[in-house]
Amino acid sequence: AEESVKRHHLRKWLKDNSLSDIDIRHILDWNYYIERLGGAIQKIITIPAAMQGISNPVPRIRHPDWLHKKMVEKNDTLKQRKISELFTRLPSKTNDKEGNNREESCDIEDLMKETTEISEKQPVACVKKRKRDATPEKHIPKNWKEALGPAPPFGTTRDDRLKWLAFHKSKWRWQKEHEESRRN
């Protein structure tokens, strides 16, 4: 633009009528823009590099103070680690040479070795059923008829009715005991 147009708009924009030098390089606050650019470079380049353990790729821009503290905490050998940092998920199934799916297994000692390869191991049988006793099981009656037999008839005499009542009392006792054992 022409000098008169530049001077007019710069005086209007800066609200300074005494402006004689209209060179834009002398008017700008370069420290402000350098600081803003440095902040953007920190966010995009230097902070991610430091978090990955890489030395500062832009030495003119210092790391922020908080980043040094965070890196010391991250690399502290005496600090107790979080459980999520110690264990990671492995793929649940891998394909054998034959094409069969099988779960990958390794020992805890293998996790702490420097090599990250998991060696091919033979599958191990895992028995999940309870071991059975060698002695034969006793026959446990499932209902009162198997345990006590058939009920006597009600009868017409007093003795027949007392036998009937005694049988039913023993039947009720048996039912109560088995109901309690089933709950426990």
Foldseek 3Di string as FASTA:
>chain_A
DDPVVLLVVVCVVVVPNVDDDSDVVVVDPVVVVVVVVLVVCQVPPQLVCVVVVHHGPDVVRDHDPVSVVVSCVVPPPPDDDDPPVLDDDDPQWDADPVRDTDGQDDDPVQSPDPDPDRDDDDDDDDDDDDDDDPDDDDDDDPALCVVLNDQQDCDDDPVSVVSNVVSVVVRVVVVVVVVVVVVD
